[in-house]
Amino acid sequence: MAGNQNSGGPRPKVRDDDKRGAVKGNTAGFGNAGSIGQAAHVRSEKTAAEIQELAEILTIDQIAEEVALSVTTIWRHYGAEFRAGRRGVTKAVASKLISMALAGDKASMIFYLKTQGGWSQKVEVSGPNGGPIKTQTFDFTAFLEGKTEDEIAAIIPLLEQLVAFGGEDIQGGGEGGLGAGEGETSSIDDESDT
């Protein structure tokens, strides 16, 4: 829908003391000159049918762009059609999902039970024998003290791996030690759950 758009010239004057440059009453290119905003939207059955059809595949923001209306106008004048379109496609997909689940499709069965049957899959993380997870701090400043640039350059890839495995909260200044002593090497193994 093309609204009342300015053709590039000055807006028409609506009062004698208006300083915009146009003569009073010049409405060329302005169908609703003198009023605030655009003319009120008039509902059309053609637009209603189009919105209901588009609601099956697009979001309301995408529909607003497609039919050149604001989201507010769509809700105000075509909300029932939007909801009907969404409801129709939801019913079709749900029906197909249930058919697949009843036919033995494992992924469909699991998805349905998790979303509709109240099932959940929880993983509890704990330390040995259900106890707390053991953590240690490491004083990087003390560890790097006296190291050459080559030794530090060799350590950087290990630190990057450590961060990639969840050590983003690494801070220096801790007590004790975690890491390799003189002449020892340290590595991070990628263990996968089976």
Foldseek 3Di string as FASTA:
>chain_A
DDWQDDPPAWAADCDPPDPRPHYHPPQVSNPPRPDPDTDDDDDDVVLLQVLLQCLLPDDLVVSCVVVVHDSVVCCVRRVVSSVNSNVVNVVVVVVVLVVCVVVPPPVSVVVCCVVPVVDDDDDDDADPPRHHDDDFAAAVVVVCPPPDPVVVVVCVVQVVVVVVVPPVVHDHDGDDHDADDPPDHDHDDDDDDD
